[in-house]
Amino acid sequence: MRFLIVVLVAVLAMLQFRLWLSADGLREVWRLTAEVSRRTDENGRLALRNSALEAEVQDLKQGMAAAEERARTELGMIRTGETFYQIAPAPAEPAAPR
């Protein structure tokens, strides 16, 4: 009977060692849980960015308004018949001599 108790205590100690201290134990589970949480957050952020890009692509494919807006703002283009006015800043006044 005493031998069986010693064997069972040894098995229990070995299992506790594997559970708490080995590379496959609870520390690894906690690390993987944190990694899954981080990846889930990153996937959510990327899904939002992808949906915004998809909406922009659809807008560019379906309508000319988005392409026209980009041409005006990024390339400085104007339509036929429009007049382009550029307002320059006032020149700096020279300092008055004393």
C-alpha atoms as a PDB file:
ATOM      1  CA  MET A   1       0.000   0.000   0.000  1.00  0.00           C
ATOM      2  CA  ARG A   2       2.843   2.340   0.864  1.00  0.00           C
ATOM      3  CA  PHE A   3       4.435   1.729  -2.540  1.00  0.00           C
ATOM      4  CA  LEU A   4       1.179   2.692  -4.305  1.00  0.00           C
ATOM      5  CA  ILE A   5       0.965   5.953  -2.354  1.00  0.00           C
ATOM      6  CA  VAL A   6       4.563   6.818  -3.258  1.00  0.00           C
ATOM      7  CA  VAL A   7       3.883   6.098  -6.937  1.00  0.00           C
ATOM      8  CA  LEU A   8       0.696   8.188  -6.910  1.00  0.00           C
ATOM      9  CA  VAL A   9       2.478  11.119  -5.210  1.00  0.00           C
ATOM     10  CA  ALA A  10       5.278  10.897  -7.800  1.00  0.00           C
ATOM     11  CA  VAL A  11       2.747  10.895 -10.651  1.00  0.00           C
ATOM     12  CA  LEU A  12       0.937  13.842  -9.097  1.00  0.00           C
ATOM     13  CA  ALA A  13       4.202  15.766  -8.725  1.00  0.00           C
ATOM     14  CA  MET A  14       5.118  15.041 -12.344  1.00  0.00           C
ATOM     15  CA  LEU A  15       1.708  16.220 -13.566  1.00  0.00           C
ATOM     16  CA  GLN A  16       1.938  19.389 -11.490  1.00  0.00           C
ATOM     17  CA  PHE A  17       5.384  20.065 -12.909  1.00  0.00           C
ATOM     18  CA  ARG A  18       4.078  19.699 -16.478  1.00  0.00           C
ATOM     19  CA  LEU A  19       1.068  21.857 -15.714  1.00  0.00           C
ATOM     20  CA  TRP A  20       2.890  24.797 -14.146  1.00  0.00           C
ATOM     21  CA  LEU A  21       6.490  24.759 -15.350  1.00  0.00           C
ATOM     22  CA  SER A  22       6.789  23.053 -18.728  1.00  0.00           C
ATOM     23  CA  ALA A  23       6.661  24.765 -22.120  1.00  0.00           C
ATOM     24  CA  ASP A  24       3.258  23.197 -22.800  1.00  0.00           C
ATOM     25  CA  GLY A  25       1.732  24.277 -19.508  1.00  0.00           C
ATOM     26  CA  LEU A  26      -0.487  27.075 -18.350  1.00  0.00           C
ATOM     27  CA  ARG A  27       2.027  29.815 -19.219  1.00  0.00           C
ATOM     28  CA  GLU A  28       1.809  28.790 -22.860  1.00  0.00           C
ATOM     29  CA  VAL A  29      -1.993  28.762 -22.682  1.00  0.00           C
ATOM     30  CA  TRP A  30      -2.001  32.272 -21.203  1.00  0.00           C
ATOM     31  CA  ARG A  31       0.437  33.488 -23.853  1.00  0.00           C
ATOM     32  CA  LEU A  32      -1.669  32.011 -26.636  1.00  0.00           C
ATOM     33  CA  THR A  33      -4.841  33.521 -25.184  1.00  0.00           C
ATOM     34  CA  ALA A  34      -3.224  36.961 -25.180  1.00  0.00           C
ATOM     35  CA  GLU A  35      -2.007  36.423 -28.742  1.00  0.00           C
ATOM     36  CA  VAL A  36      -5.503  35.439 -29.893  1.00  0.00           C
ATOM     37  CA  SER A  37      -6.921  38.560 -28.252  1.00  0.00           C
ATOM     38  CA  ARG A  38      -4.316  40.772 -29.917  1.00  0.00           C
ATOM     39  CA  ARG A  39      -4.903  39.195 -33.320  1.00  0.00           C
ATOM     40  CA  THR A  40      -8.685  39.534 -32.928  1.00  0.00           C
ATOM     41  CA  ASP A  41      -8.309  43.254 -32.216  1.00  0.00           C
ATOM     42  CA  GLU A  42      -5.978  43.664 -35.186  1.00  0.00           C
ATOM     43  CA  ASN A  43      -8.382  41.757 -37.457  1.00  0.00           C
ATOM     44  CA  GLY A  44     -11.240  44.040 -36.391  1.00  0.00           C
ATOM     45  CA  ARG A  45      -9.170  47.135 -37.160  1.00  0.00           C
ATOM     46  CA  LEU A  46      -8.130  45.740 -40.533  1.00  0.00           C
ATOM     47  CA  ALA A  47     -11.727  44.764 -41.362  1.00  0.00           C
ATOM     48  CA  LEU A  48     -12.813  48.373 -40.781  1.00  0.00           C
ATOM     49  CA  ARG A  49     -10.016  49.627 -43.021  1.00  0.00           C
ATOM     50  CA  ASN A  50     -10.921  47.090 -45.697  1.00  0.00           C
ATOM     51  CA  SER A  51     -14.582  48.099 -45.658  1.00  0.00           C
ATOM     52  CA  ALA A  52     -13.611  51.772 -46.034  1.00  0.00           C
ATOM     53  CA  LEU A  53     -11.343  50.923 -48.960  1.00  0.00           C
ATOM     54  CA  GLU A  54     -14.042  48.760 -50.525  1.00  0.00           C
ATOM     55  CA  ALA A  55     -16.540  51.616 -50.269  1.00  0.00           C
ATOM     56  CA  GLU A  56     -14.033  53.956 -51.907  1.00  0.00           C
ATOM     57  CA  VAL A  57     -13.413  51.468 -54.737  1.00  0.00           C
ATOM     58  CA  GLN A  58     -17.154  51.082 -55.320  1.00  0.00           C
ATOM     59  CA  ASP A  59     -17.566  54.848 -55.362  1.00  0.00           C
ATOM     60  CA  LEU A  60     -14.753  55.205 -57.893  1.00  0.00           C
ATOM     61  CA  LYS A  61     -16.201  52.438 -60.090  1.00  0.00           C
ATOM     62  CA  GLN A  62     -19.796  53.680 -60.078  1.00  0.00           C
ATOM     63  CA  GLY A  63     -19.620  57.437 -60.114  1.00  0.00           C
ATOM     64  CA  MET A  64     -17.554  60.143 -61.666  1.00  0.00           C
ATOM     65  CA  ALA A  65     -17.966  62.448 -58.665  1.00  0.00           C
ATOM     66  CA  ALA A  66     -15.206  60.774 -56.662  1.00  0.00           C
ATOM     67  CA  ALA A  67     -12.810  60.730 -59.623  1.00  0.00           C
ATOM     68  CA  GLU A  68     -13.605  64.378 -60.331  1.00  0.00           C
ATOM     69  CA  GLU A  69     -13.043  65.328 -56.708  1.00  0.00           C
ATOM     70  CA  ARG A  70      -9.665  63.587 -56.688  1.00  0.00           C
ATOM     71  CA  ALA A  71      -8.664  65.232 -59.953  1.00  0.00           C
ATOM     72  CA  ARG A  72      -9.560  68.658 -58.576  1.00  0.00           C
ATOM     73  CA  THR A  73      -7.915  68.315 -55.169  1.00  0.00           C
ATOM     74  CA  GLU A  74      -4.862  66.201 -55.943  1.00  0.00           C
ATOM     75  CA  LEU A  75      -4.064  67.227 -59.507  1.00  0.00           C
ATOM     76  CA  GLY A  76      -5.445  70.782 -59.594  1.00  0.00           C
ATOM     77  CA  MET A  77      -7.554  70.082 -62.683  1.00  0.00           C
ATOM     78  CA  ILE A  78     -10.555  72.196 -63.755  1.00  0.00           C
ATOM     79  CA  ARG A  79     -13.517  71.582 -66.061  1.00  0.00           C
ATOM     80  CA  THR A  80     -13.899  73.046 -69.499  1.00  0.00           C
ATOM     81  CA  GLY A  81     -15.437  76.476 -69.228  1.00  0.00           C
ATOM     82  CA  GLU A  82     -14.321  77.050 -65.637  1.00  0.00           C
ATOM     83  CA  THR A  83     -11.886  79.761 -64.677  1.00  0.00           C
ATOM     84  CA  PHE A  84      -9.117  78.970 -62.211  1.00  0.00           C
ATOM     85  CA  TYR A  85      -8.271  81.655 -59.670  1.00  0.00           C
ATOM     86  CA  GLN A  86      -5.245  81.342 -57.456  1.00  0.00           C
ATOM     87  CA  ILE A  87      -5.039  83.740 -54.545  1.00  0.00           C
ATOM     88  CA  ALA A  88      -1.469  84.508 -53.595  1.00  0.00           C
ATOM     89  CA  PRO A  89      -0.566  85.712 -50.104  1.00  0.00           C
ATOM     90  CA  ALA A  90       0.191  89.410 -49.729  1.00  0.00           C
ATOM     91  CA  PRO A  91       3.886  90.232 -49.936  1.00  0.00           C
ATOM     92  CA  ALA A  92       5.572  90.977 -46.645  1.00  0.00           C
ATOM     93  CA  GLU A  93       6.027  94.698 -45.999  1.00  0.00           C
ATOM     94  CA  PRO A  94       9.642  95.805 -45.653  1.00  0.00           C
ATOM     95  CA  ALA A  95      10.667  96.917 -42.204  1.00  0.00           C
ATOM     96  CA  ALA A  96      10.550 100.676 -41.723  1.00  0.00           C
ATOM     97  CA  PRO A  97      13.992 102.266 -41.119  1.00  0.00           C
ATOM     98  CA  ARG A  98      14.479 103.902 -37.733  1.00  0.00           C
END
